[in-house]
Each structure stands twice: as structure tokens, then as C-alpha cells.
């Protein structure tokens, strides 16, 4: 498979634009921040609600899939913002990500419950929240509303987003997968 990628800066947020993919794989769900903002306005204009979430999604597992399916049920479309590689390293350490940003975005875009994917490279998603202005913002049960980054929480309040925390799938996490892989190498 061959993908040609170009990163564009938009308000300190970079976005992956996939120009061509062979073998008929659809990556049309991977959109720029500007396209996301326009799509939200189109949805809002037709009385529909955008659900927004973000994360690293380094090794996609059943916990991620169930979380994204539950998130999508909270509105009419789901936008997933994926941390860029530099951001993942800053959050998770020098050995991460395991999968690169383009691969992570494409895998998420292949899920039926995901309508749109965009990449961001900042440590926090605050500016993207302000640009996209989602109706609903969803995070996993490893967060509480109070444990969200204060600037992100303020941005969500400013744009009037409803915040929902979804339950985790017990025993299903990227860290658990990594530990299991490490143990199996012994």
C-alpha cells in the first residue's frame, strides 16, 4: 500500500492529508481541521450533533472499539482526533508510539463507527475543541470531568459541549497488550 501524506499547520495543529491509497482502501474519512470545522457546521445546520473524542490509539484493541462504538451512539457523527507521534512520545515515553500516526489514523478510519479522523500535534486538544465546537465530548473511564486538563475543560465550557465519561472495558488497554506481548517474548 502506498500513501502520500502532507502535513499542514492550522492554528498549531497539524493534519494528515492522504492523497492516494492503493488497493481500494478508503481513507476519505481522514480530514483536515478546517474540513472538520466545516463538517460540524453542516451537521449543526441540519440539526445533527457531532461527538468528539481524542487519544493516542496506539495499538487498537477491543476496549478502543467498544469505546468508539459507545461514543458514536451519543450523536449523529463521530470525529476522532489522534495524537501525532511527537505528542504520543511526550505523553507515553520514548518507546511510543508503536504504530505511526498515519497508520493509526487509517486503522481508525476503517471502523464503521468512526465518521471522521484528524491528527493533532499539540500536547492538549484545547485549540481543536475551540475550532470544532463539538456538541458532545467523550473520554474513557480512566478520566473524570475533574481530571480533564483544566484548559480543555474551559474550552469545552466555552463552546457549550456536553462532556460524557464512558466506562472502561476491564482488562483491555494498550498497556495490558504491551505487557502481554513482553511476557510472551520470554
N, C-alpha and C. Protein backbone atom coordinates (compact mmCIF):
# COMPACT_ATOMS: atom_id res chain seq x y z
N UNK A 1 0.84 -1.16 0.00
CA UNK A 1 0.00 0.00 0.00
C UNK A 1 0.89 1.23 0.00
N UNK A 2 0.49 2.23 -0.76
CA UNK A 2 1.29 3.44 -0.86
C UNK A 2 0.43 4.63 -0.48
N UNK A 3 0.87 5.40 0.47
CA UNK A 3 0.13 6.60 0.84
C UNK A 3 1.07 7.78 0.80
N UNK A 4 0.64 8.84 0.18
CA UNK A 4 1.42 10.05 0.15
C UNK A 4 0.79 11.01 1.14
N UNK A 5 1.56 11.47 2.10
CA UNK A 5 1.00 12.30 3.17
C UNK A 5 1.63 13.68 3.16
N UNK A 6 0.86 14.64 3.55
CA UNK A 6 1.36 16.01 3.66
C UNK A 6 0.79 16.60 4.94
N UNK A 7 1.66 17.16 5.75
CA UNK A 7 1.19 17.77 6.98
C UNK A 7 1.02 19.27 6.77
N UNK A 8 -0.08 19.80 7.18
CA UNK A 8 -0.37 21.22 7.09
C UNK A 8 -0.55 21.77 8.50
N UNK A 9 -0.05 22.95 8.74
CA UNK A 9 -0.26 23.57 10.04
C UNK A 9 -1.54 24.39 10.00
N UNK A 10 -2.34 24.29 11.02
CA UNK A 10 -3.55 25.09 11.17
C UNK A 10 -3.71 25.38 12.64
N UNK A 11 -3.49 26.63 13.03
CA UNK A 11 -3.58 27.04 14.43
C UNK A 11 -2.78 26.10 15.33
N UNK A 12 -1.54 25.84 14.98
CA UNK A 12 -0.63 24.97 15.71
C UNK A 12 -1.08 23.52 15.73
N UNK A 13 -2.03 23.18 14.91
CA UNK A 13 -2.49 21.80 14.84
C UNK A 13 -2.18 21.29 13.44
N UNK A 14 -1.44 20.21 13.33
CA UNK A 14 -1.12 19.68 12.02
C UNK A 14 -2.11 18.59 11.66
N UNK A 15 -2.28 18.39 10.38
CA UNK A 15 -3.29 17.47 9.90
C UNK A 15 -2.71 16.59 8.80
N UNK A 16 -3.08 15.35 8.80
CA UNK A 16 -2.64 14.43 7.77
C UNK A 16 -3.63 14.49 6.61
N UNK A 17 -3.11 14.71 5.41
CA UNK A 17 -3.95 14.64 4.22
C UNK A 17 -3.44 13.48 3.39
N UNK A 18 -4.26 12.47 3.21
CA UNK A 18 -3.85 11.33 2.42
C UNK A 18 -4.30 11.57 0.99
N UNK A 19 -3.35 11.57 0.08
CA UNK A 19 -3.64 11.89 -1.31
C UNK A 19 -4.03 10.66 -2.13
N UNK A 20 -3.41 9.52 -1.83
CA UNK A 20 -3.67 8.35 -2.66
C UNK A 20 -3.41 7.08 -1.85
N UNK A 21 -4.29 6.13 -1.96
CA UNK A 21 -4.07 4.83 -1.33
C UNK A 21 -4.48 3.77 -2.34
N UNK A 22 -3.61 2.81 -2.53
CA UNK A 22 -3.90 1.74 -3.48
C UNK A 22 -4.74 0.66 -2.80
N UNK A 23 -5.17 -0.32 -3.56
CA UNK A 23 -5.95 -1.46 -3.10
C UNK A 23 -7.34 -1.08 -2.65
N UNK A 24 -7.84 0.08 -3.06
CA UNK A 24 -9.22 0.46 -2.81
C UNK A 24 -9.56 0.78 -1.38
N UNK A 25 -8.57 0.93 -0.50
CA UNK A 25 -8.87 1.24 0.90
C UNK A 25 -9.33 2.69 1.01
N UNK A 26 -10.41 2.90 1.69
CA UNK A 26 -10.96 4.25 1.82
C UNK A 26 -10.32 4.98 2.99
N UNK A 27 -9.76 6.12 2.71
CA UNK A 27 -9.24 6.98 3.76
C UNK A 27 -9.88 8.36 3.65
N UNK A 28 -11.00 8.41 2.96
CA UNK A 28 -11.68 9.70 2.80
C UNK A 28 -12.20 10.24 4.13
N UNK A 29 -12.20 9.43 5.15
CA UNK A 29 -12.64 9.89 6.47
C UNK A 29 -11.55 10.71 7.17
N UNK A 30 -10.33 10.65 6.69
CA UNK A 30 -9.24 11.41 7.30
C UNK A 30 -9.29 12.82 6.73
N UNK A 31 -9.61 13.78 7.59
CA UNK A 31 -9.87 15.14 7.13
C UNK A 31 -9.02 16.15 7.89
N UNK A 32 -8.90 17.32 7.32
CA UNK A 32 -8.17 18.40 7.97
C UNK A 32 -9.03 19.02 9.07
N UNK A 33 -8.40 19.80 9.88
CA UNK A 33 -9.13 20.52 10.93
C UNK A 33 -10.15 21.47 10.30
N UNK A 34 -9.75 22.14 9.24
CA UNK A 34 -10.67 23.05 8.55
C UNK A 34 -11.88 22.29 8.01
N UNK A 35 -11.65 21.13 7.41
CA UNK A 35 -12.75 20.31 6.92
C UNK A 35 -13.64 19.85 8.06
N UNK A 36 -13.04 19.53 9.19
CA UNK A 36 -13.82 19.11 10.36
C UNK A 36 -14.72 20.25 10.83
N UNK A 37 -14.18 21.46 10.90
CA UNK A 37 -14.98 22.61 11.32
C UNK A 37 -16.14 22.84 10.36
N UNK A 38 -15.88 22.72 9.07
CA UNK A 38 -16.94 22.90 8.06
C UNK A 38 -17.99 21.80 8.18
N UNK A 39 -17.56 20.57 8.43
CA UNK A 39 -18.50 19.47 8.56
C UNK A 39 -19.39 19.64 9.79
N UNK A 40 -18.80 20.12 10.88
CA UNK A 40 -19.59 20.36 12.10
C UNK A 40 -20.67 21.40 11.82
N UNK A 41 -20.31 22.46 11.10
CA UNK A 41 -21.30 23.49 10.76
C UNK A 41 -22.41 22.92 9.90
N UNK A 42 -22.05 22.05 8.94
CA UNK A 42 -23.06 21.40 8.10
C UNK A 42 -23.99 20.53 8.95
N UNK A 43 -23.40 19.76 9.86
CA UNK A 43 -24.21 18.92 10.75
C UNK A 43 -25.13 19.76 11.62
N UNK A 44 -24.55 20.78 12.23
CA UNK A 44 -25.31 21.66 13.11
C UNK A 44 -26.47 22.31 12.35
N UNK A 45 -26.20 22.73 11.12
CA UNK A 45 -27.22 23.36 10.28
C UNK A 45 -28.38 22.44 9.94
N UNK A 46 -28.13 21.14 9.96
CA UNK A 46 -29.19 20.17 9.68
C UNK A 46 -29.74 19.54 10.97
N UNK A 47 -29.41 20.16 12.12
CA UNK A 47 -29.94 19.69 13.39
C UNK A 47 -29.28 18.43 13.93
N UNK A 48 -28.08 18.11 13.43
CA UNK A 48 -27.38 16.90 13.88
C UNK A 48 -26.25 17.27 14.82
N UNK A 49 -25.82 16.28 15.63
CA UNK A 49 -24.80 16.51 16.67
C UNK A 49 -23.52 15.74 16.38
N UNK A 50 -22.39 16.44 16.54
CA UNK A 50 -21.09 15.82 16.40
C UNK A 50 -20.58 15.39 17.77
N UNK A 51 -20.12 14.15 17.86
CA UNK A 51 -19.44 13.64 19.05
C UNK A 51 -17.95 13.69 18.74
N UNK A 52 -17.17 14.12 19.72
CA UNK A 52 -15.73 14.29 19.54
C UNK A 52 -14.99 13.57 20.64
N UNK A 53 -13.92 12.87 20.27
CA UNK A 53 -13.03 12.27 21.25
C UNK A 53 -11.61 12.35 20.70
N UNK A 54 -10.66 12.10 21.56
CA UNK A 54 -9.26 12.15 21.14
C UNK A 54 -8.45 11.14 21.94
N UNK A 55 -7.29 10.79 21.38
CA UNK A 55 -6.40 9.88 22.08
C UNK A 55 -5.28 9.40 21.18
N UNK A 56 -4.44 8.55 21.74
CA UNK A 56 -3.28 8.02 21.02
C UNK A 56 -3.68 6.87 20.10
N UNK A 57 -4.52 5.95 20.59
CA UNK A 57 -4.98 4.79 19.83
C UNK A 57 -3.79 4.06 19.19
N UNK A 58 -2.79 3.78 20.01
CA UNK A 58 -1.53 3.22 19.51
C UNK A 58 -1.68 1.78 19.03
N UNK A 59 -2.21 0.91 19.85
CA UNK A 59 -2.49 -0.47 19.46
C UNK A 59 -3.99 -0.67 19.63
N UNK A 60 -4.72 -0.62 18.55
CA UNK A 60 -6.17 -0.71 18.63
C UNK A 60 -6.58 -2.08 19.18
N UNK A 61 -7.45 -2.08 20.18
CA UNK A 61 -7.91 -3.31 20.82
C UNK A 61 -9.42 -3.20 21.06
N UNK A 62 -10.01 -4.26 21.56
CA UNK A 62 -11.47 -4.31 21.73
C UNK A 62 -11.98 -3.22 22.67
N UNK A 63 -11.19 -2.82 23.65
CA UNK A 63 -11.60 -1.72 24.52
C UNK A 63 -11.78 -0.44 23.74
N UNK A 64 -10.86 -0.15 22.82
CA UNK A 64 -11.00 1.03 21.96
C UNK A 64 -12.26 0.92 21.11
N UNK A 65 -12.45 -0.23 20.48
CA UNK A 65 -13.58 -0.41 19.57
C UNK A 65 -14.90 -0.21 20.31
N UNK A 66 -15.04 -0.83 21.47
CA UNK A 66 -16.29 -0.67 22.23
C UNK A 66 -16.49 0.76 22.69
N UNK A 67 -15.41 1.40 23.09
CA UNK A 67 -15.47 2.81 23.50
C UNK A 67 -15.93 3.68 22.33
N UNK A 68 -15.35 3.48 21.16
CA UNK A 68 -15.71 4.29 19.99
C UNK A 68 -17.14 4.01 19.54
N UNK A 69 -17.57 2.76 19.63
CA UNK A 69 -18.96 2.44 19.29
C UNK A 69 -19.92 3.15 20.25
N UNK A 70 -19.61 3.12 21.54
CA UNK A 70 -20.45 3.79 22.53
C UNK A 70 -20.43 5.31 22.34
N UNK A 71 -19.28 5.85 21.98
CA UNK A 71 -19.18 7.28 21.73
C UNK A 71 -20.06 7.67 20.56
N UNK A 72 -20.01 6.90 19.49
CA UNK A 72 -20.80 7.21 18.28
C UNK A 72 -22.29 7.22 18.57
N UNK A 73 -22.73 6.40 19.52
CA UNK A 73 -24.16 6.34 19.88
C UNK A 73 -24.65 7.62 20.54
N UNK A 74 -23.75 8.50 20.95
CA UNK A 74 -24.13 9.73 21.64
C UNK A 74 -24.47 10.87 20.69
N UNK A 75 -24.39 10.63 19.40
CA UNK A 75 -24.69 11.70 18.44
C UNK A 75 -24.87 11.15 17.04
N UNK A 76 -24.76 12.04 16.07
CA UNK A 76 -25.01 11.69 14.67
C UNK A 76 -23.75 11.42 13.87
N UNK A 77 -22.59 11.85 14.38
CA UNK A 77 -21.32 11.60 13.71
C UNK A 77 -20.23 11.64 14.77
N UNK A 78 -19.17 10.87 14.54
CA UNK A 78 -18.05 10.79 15.48
C UNK A 78 -16.77 11.24 14.79
N UNK A 79 -16.12 12.25 15.39
CA UNK A 79 -14.80 12.72 14.97
C UNK A 79 -13.79 12.27 16.00
N UNK A 80 -12.74 11.57 15.55
CA UNK A 80 -11.68 11.12 16.44
C UNK A 80 -10.41 11.90 16.09
N UNK A 81 -9.87 12.62 17.07
CA UNK A 81 -8.61 13.34 16.90
C UNK A 81 -7.51 12.45 17.47
N UNK A 82 -6.50 12.17 16.65
CA UNK A 82 -5.43 11.26 17.01
C UNK A 82 -4.16 12.06 17.31
N UNK A 83 -3.55 11.77 18.45
CA UNK A 83 -2.28 12.41 18.79
C UNK A 83 -1.23 12.05 17.75
N UNK A 84 -0.51 13.05 17.26
CA UNK A 84 0.61 12.81 16.37
C UNK A 84 1.73 12.12 17.13
N UNK A 85 2.71 11.59 16.40
CA UNK A 85 3.79 10.82 17.00
C UNK A 85 4.56 11.58 18.08
N UNK A 86 4.87 12.84 17.81
CA UNK A 86 5.63 13.64 18.79
C UNK A 86 4.82 13.79 20.09
N UNK A 87 3.54 14.03 19.94
CA UNK A 87 2.65 14.17 21.09
C UNK A 87 2.58 12.87 21.89
N UNK A 88 2.50 11.73 21.20
CA UNK A 88 2.44 10.43 21.88
C UNK A 88 3.72 10.21 22.68
N UNK A 89 4.87 10.50 22.06
CA UNK A 89 6.15 10.33 22.78
C UNK A 89 6.17 11.19 24.04
N UNK A 90 5.69 12.41 23.95
CA UNK A 90 5.67 13.30 25.11
C UNK A 90 4.78 12.75 26.22
N UNK A 91 3.66 12.14 25.84
CA UNK A 91 2.71 11.62 26.82
C UNK A 91 3.07 10.24 27.36
N UNK A 92 3.60 9.37 26.48
CA UNK A 92 3.77 7.96 26.83
C UNK A 92 5.22 7.51 26.98
N UNK A 93 6.19 8.31 26.54
CA UNK A 93 7.58 7.94 26.67
C UNK A 93 8.24 7.66 25.34
N UNK A 94 9.56 7.50 25.35
CA UNK A 94 10.34 7.40 24.12
C UNK A 94 10.11 6.14 23.29
N UNK A 95 9.56 5.10 23.89
CA UNK A 95 9.33 3.86 23.13
C UNK A 95 7.98 3.86 22.40
N UNK A 96 7.23 4.92 22.52
CA UNK A 96 5.92 5.01 21.89
C UNK A 96 5.90 6.17 20.91
N UNK A 97 5.09 6.16 19.91
CA UNK A 97 4.09 5.14 19.62
C UNK A 97 4.71 3.91 18.96
N UNK A 98 4.00 2.84 19.01
CA UNK A 98 4.42 1.62 18.34
C UNK A 98 4.05 1.72 16.86
N UNK A 99 2.86 2.22 16.59
CA UNK A 99 2.40 2.46 15.22
C UNK A 99 2.43 3.95 14.93
N UNK A 100 2.87 4.31 13.75
CA UNK A 100 2.96 5.71 13.36
C UNK A 100 1.59 6.35 13.18
N UNK A 101 1.58 7.68 13.18
CA UNK A 101 0.34 8.45 13.12
C UNK A 101 -0.50 8.14 11.88
N UNK A 102 0.13 7.99 10.72
CA UNK A 102 -0.64 7.71 9.51
C UNK A 102 -1.32 6.35 9.60
N UNK A 103 -0.62 5.36 10.14
CA UNK A 103 -1.21 4.03 10.31
C UNK A 103 -2.35 4.06 11.31
N UNK A 104 -2.14 4.75 12.44
CA UNK A 104 -3.19 4.82 13.47
C UNK A 104 -4.43 5.51 12.92
N UNK A 105 -4.24 6.58 12.15
CA UNK A 105 -5.38 7.30 11.57
C UNK A 105 -6.13 6.41 10.58
N UNK A 106 -5.40 5.68 9.76
CA UNK A 106 -6.05 4.83 8.76
C UNK A 106 -6.82 3.68 9.40
N UNK A 107 -6.26 3.07 10.44
CA UNK A 107 -6.96 1.98 11.12
C UNK A 107 -8.26 2.50 11.74
N UNK A 108 -8.21 3.65 12.39
CA UNK A 108 -9.43 4.23 12.97
C UNK A 108 -10.45 4.57 11.89
N UNK A 109 -9.98 5.11 10.77
CA UNK A 109 -10.88 5.48 9.68
C UNK A 109 -11.59 4.26 9.09
N UNK A 110 -11.01 3.08 9.24
CA UNK A 110 -11.60 1.85 8.71
C UNK A 110 -12.78 1.36 9.56
N UNK A 111 -12.92 1.89 10.77
CA UNK A 111 -14.02 1.45 11.64
C UNK A 111 -15.34 2.08 11.20
N UNK A 112 -16.38 1.29 11.17
CA UNK A 112 -17.70 1.78 10.76
C UNK A 112 -18.28 2.82 11.69
N UNK A 113 -17.92 2.78 12.97
CA UNK A 113 -18.47 3.73 13.94
C UNK A 113 -17.78 5.09 13.89
N UNK A 114 -16.66 5.18 13.19
CA UNK A 114 -15.90 6.43 13.10
C UNK A 114 -16.25 7.11 11.78
N UNK A 115 -16.71 8.36 11.88
CA UNK A 115 -17.08 9.10 10.68
C UNK A 115 -15.93 9.94 10.13
N UNK A 116 -15.10 10.48 11.04
CA UNK A 116 -14.00 11.35 10.63
C UNK A 116 -12.82 11.15 11.57
N UNK A 117 -11.60 11.32 11.01
CA UNK A 117 -10.38 11.25 11.79
C UNK A 117 -9.53 12.46 11.41
N UNK A 118 -8.92 13.08 12.40
CA UNK A 118 -7.94 14.14 12.15
C UNK A 118 -6.78 13.94 13.11
N UNK A 119 -5.64 14.50 12.79
CA UNK A 119 -4.46 14.40 13.63
C UNK A 119 -4.18 15.75 14.28
N UNK A 120 -3.63 15.70 15.49
CA UNK A 120 -3.18 16.93 16.14
C UNK A 120 -1.84 16.66 16.80
N UNK A 121 -1.03 17.70 16.93
CA UNK A 121 0.35 17.53 17.39
C UNK A 121 0.66 18.28 18.67
N UNK A 122 -0.32 18.92 19.23
CA UNK A 122 -0.12 19.64 20.47
C UNK A 122 -0.31 18.69 21.64
N UNK A 123 0.26 19.02 22.81
CA UNK A 123 0.08 18.13 23.96
C UNK A 123 -1.39 18.00 24.38
N UNK A 124 -2.15 19.04 24.18
CA UNK A 124 -3.57 19.04 24.56
C UNK A 124 -4.43 19.36 23.34
N UNK A 125 -5.68 19.01 23.42
CA UNK A 125 -6.61 19.17 22.31
C UNK A 125 -7.44 20.46 22.43
N UNK A 126 -7.01 21.36 23.29
CA UNK A 126 -7.75 22.58 23.60
C UNK A 126 -8.11 23.39 22.36
N UNK A 127 -7.14 23.68 21.52
CA UNK A 127 -7.41 24.51 20.33
C UNK A 127 -8.35 23.81 19.37
N UNK A 128 -8.21 22.51 19.24
CA UNK A 128 -9.10 21.76 18.35
C UNK A 128 -10.54 21.81 18.86
N UNK A 129 -10.73 21.74 20.15
CA UNK A 129 -12.07 21.87 20.73
C UNK A 129 -12.67 23.22 20.32
N UNK A 130 -11.87 24.27 20.42
CA UNK A 130 -12.38 25.61 20.08
C UNK A 130 -12.71 25.74 18.60
N UNK A 131 -11.96 25.06 17.75
CA UNK A 131 -12.20 25.12 16.31
C UNK A 131 -13.42 24.28 15.92
N UNK A 132 -13.50 23.08 16.44
CA UNK A 132 -14.54 22.13 16.04
C UNK A 132 -15.87 22.38 16.77
N UNK A 133 -15.80 22.79 18.02
CA UNK A 133 -17.01 23.09 18.80
C UNK A 133 -18.01 21.92 18.81
N UNK A 134 -17.59 20.77 19.33
CA UNK A 134 -18.48 19.59 19.29
C UNK A 134 -19.67 19.74 20.22
N UNK A 135 -20.76 19.07 19.87
CA UNK A 135 -21.93 19.04 20.75
C UNK A 135 -21.63 18.18 21.97
N UNK A 136 -20.90 17.07 21.75
CA UNK A 136 -20.60 16.12 22.82
C UNK A 136 -19.11 15.79 22.78
N UNK A 137 -18.47 15.81 23.94
CA UNK A 137 -17.07 15.40 24.07
C UNK A 137 -17.04 14.18 24.97
N UNK A 138 -16.37 13.12 24.51
CA UNK A 138 -16.37 11.84 25.22
C UNK A 138 -14.94 11.45 25.57
N UNK A 139 -14.77 10.95 26.80
CA UNK A 139 -13.49 10.37 27.25
C UNK A 139 -13.79 9.06 27.95
N UNK A 140 -12.75 8.24 28.07
CA UNK A 140 -12.89 6.94 28.73
C UNK A 140 -12.90 7.05 30.23
N UNK A 141 -13.29 5.97 30.88
CA UNK A 141 -13.45 5.92 32.32
C UNK A 141 -12.18 6.07 33.13
N UNK A 142 -11.03 6.16 32.47
CA UNK A 142 -9.80 6.45 33.22
C UNK A 142 -9.72 7.95 33.51
N UNK A 143 -10.71 8.71 33.04
CA UNK A 143 -10.83 10.14 33.32
C UNK A 143 -12.09 10.39 34.13
N UNK A 144 -12.12 11.55 34.78
CA UNK A 144 -13.34 12.11 35.33
C UNK A 144 -13.41 13.52 34.76
N UNK A 145 -14.56 14.16 34.88
CA UNK A 145 -14.66 15.54 34.41
C UNK A 145 -13.62 16.40 35.12
N UNK A 146 -13.44 16.16 36.41
CA UNK A 146 -12.47 16.95 37.18
C UNK A 146 -11.02 16.67 36.81
N UNK A 147 -10.73 15.47 36.30
CA UNK A 147 -9.34 15.15 35.95
C UNK A 147 -8.96 15.57 34.53
N UNK A 148 -9.93 16.03 33.75
CA UNK A 148 -9.60 16.56 32.43
C UNK A 148 -8.69 17.77 32.59
N UNK A 149 -7.85 18.01 31.62
CA UNK A 149 -6.98 19.17 31.65
C UNK A 149 -7.83 20.43 31.86
N UNK A 150 -7.45 21.30 32.79
CA UNK A 150 -8.27 22.50 33.07
C UNK A 150 -8.51 23.38 31.83
N UNK A 151 -7.51 23.53 30.97
CA UNK A 151 -7.70 24.35 29.76
C UNK A 151 -8.68 23.67 28.80
N UNK A 152 -8.61 22.36 28.68
CA UNK A 152 -9.56 21.64 27.84
C UNK A 152 -10.97 21.76 28.41
N UNK A 153 -11.07 21.61 29.73
CA UNK A 153 -12.38 21.74 30.40
C UNK A 153 -12.98 23.12 30.15
N UNK A 154 -12.14 24.16 30.24
CA UNK A 154 -12.61 25.52 30.00
C UNK A 154 -13.04 25.70 28.55
N UNK A 155 -12.28 25.17 27.61
CA UNK A 155 -12.65 25.26 26.19
C UNK A 155 -13.98 24.56 25.94
N UNK A 156 -14.18 23.41 26.56
CA UNK A 156 -15.44 22.68 26.41
C UNK A 156 -16.62 23.50 26.96
N UNK A 157 -16.38 24.16 28.09
CA UNK A 157 -17.42 25.02 28.67
C UNK A 157 -17.72 26.19 27.73
N UNK A 158 -16.66 26.81 27.20
CA UNK A 158 -16.82 27.96 26.31
C UNK A 158 -17.67 27.63 25.08
N UNK A 159 -17.46 26.45 24.51
CA UNK A 159 -18.18 26.10 23.28
C UNK A 159 -19.49 25.37 23.56
N UNK A 160 -19.79 25.12 24.82
CA UNK A 160 -21.07 24.51 25.20
C UNK A 160 -21.16 23.02 24.96
N UNK A 161 -20.04 22.32 24.99
CA UNK A 161 -20.04 20.87 24.78
C UNK A 161 -20.54 20.13 26.02
N UNK A 162 -21.30 19.11 25.79
CA UNK A 162 -21.70 18.18 26.84
C UNK A 162 -20.53 17.21 27.01
N UNK A 163 -20.11 16.94 28.24
CA UNK A 163 -18.99 16.03 28.49
C UNK A 163 -19.55 14.72 29.04
N UNK A 164 -19.14 13.61 28.43
CA UNK A 164 -19.55 12.29 28.90
C UNK A 164 -18.32 11.42 29.11
N UNK A 165 -18.29 10.74 30.24
CA UNK A 165 -17.23 9.80 30.57
C UNK A 165 -17.81 8.39 30.42
N UNK A 166 -17.19 7.57 29.57
CA UNK A 166 -17.67 6.22 29.30
C UNK A 166 -16.87 5.20 30.09
N UNK A 167 -17.52 4.14 30.50
CA UNK A 167 -16.87 3.10 31.29
C UNK A 167 -15.77 2.41 30.47
N UNK A 168 -14.72 2.04 31.17
CA UNK A 168 -13.65 1.26 30.55
C UNK A 168 -14.08 -0.20 30.39
N UNK A 169 -13.47 -0.88 29.44
CA UNK A 169 -13.66 -2.32 29.31
C UNK A 169 -12.59 -2.96 30.19
N UNK A 170 -12.98 -3.64 31.28
CA UNK A 170 -12.00 -4.18 32.22
C UNK A 170 -10.95 -5.06 31.54
N UNK A 171 -9.69 -4.81 31.90
CA UNK A 171 -8.58 -5.62 31.41
C UNK A 171 -8.16 -5.35 29.98
N UNK A 172 -8.78 -4.38 29.33
CA UNK A 172 -8.47 -4.10 27.93
C UNK A 172 -7.83 -2.73 27.82
N UNK A 173 -6.53 -2.71 27.61
CA UNK A 173 -5.81 -1.44 27.46
C UNK A 173 -4.57 -1.68 26.62
N UNK A 174 -4.06 -0.61 26.05
CA UNK A 174 -2.83 -0.73 25.27
C UNK A 174 -1.69 -1.21 26.15
N UNK A 175 -1.62 -0.70 27.37
CA UNK A 175 -0.56 -1.10 28.30
C UNK A 175 -0.65 -2.60 28.58
N UNK A 176 -1.87 -3.13 28.77
CA UNK A 176 -2.04 -4.57 29.01
C UNK A 176 -1.56 -5.38 27.81
N UNK A 177 -1.86 -4.90 26.61
CA UNK A 177 -1.42 -5.60 25.39
C UNK A 177 0.10 -5.60 25.33
N UNK A 178 0.72 -4.46 25.60
CA UNK A 178 2.19 -4.36 25.57
C UNK A 178 2.82 -5.29 26.60
N UNK A 179 2.26 -5.32 27.80
CA UNK A 179 2.80 -6.23 28.83
C UNK A 179 2.64 -7.69 28.41
N UNK A 180 1.50 -8.02 27.83
CA UNK A 180 1.27 -9.39 27.39
C UNK A 180 2.26 -9.78 26.29
N UNK A 181 2.49 -8.87 25.37
CA UNK A 181 3.48 -9.13 24.31
C UNK A 181 4.89 -9.31 24.90
N UNK A 182 5.21 -8.48 25.86
CA UNK A 182 6.52 -8.59 26.52
C UNK A 182 6.67 -9.90 27.25
N UNK A 183 5.63 -10.35 27.93
CA UNK A 183 5.66 -11.62 28.66
C UNK A 183 5.77 -12.81 27.73
N UNK A 184 5.13 -12.70 26.56
CA UNK A 184 5.16 -13.83 25.62
C UNK A 184 6.52 -13.98 24.95
N UNK A 185 7.33 -12.92 25.01
CA UNK A 185 8.66 -13.00 24.41
C UNK A 185 9.65 -13.76 25.28
N UNK A 186 9.25 -14.07 26.51
CA UNK A 186 10.17 -14.77 27.44
C UNK A 186 10.32 -16.23 27.12
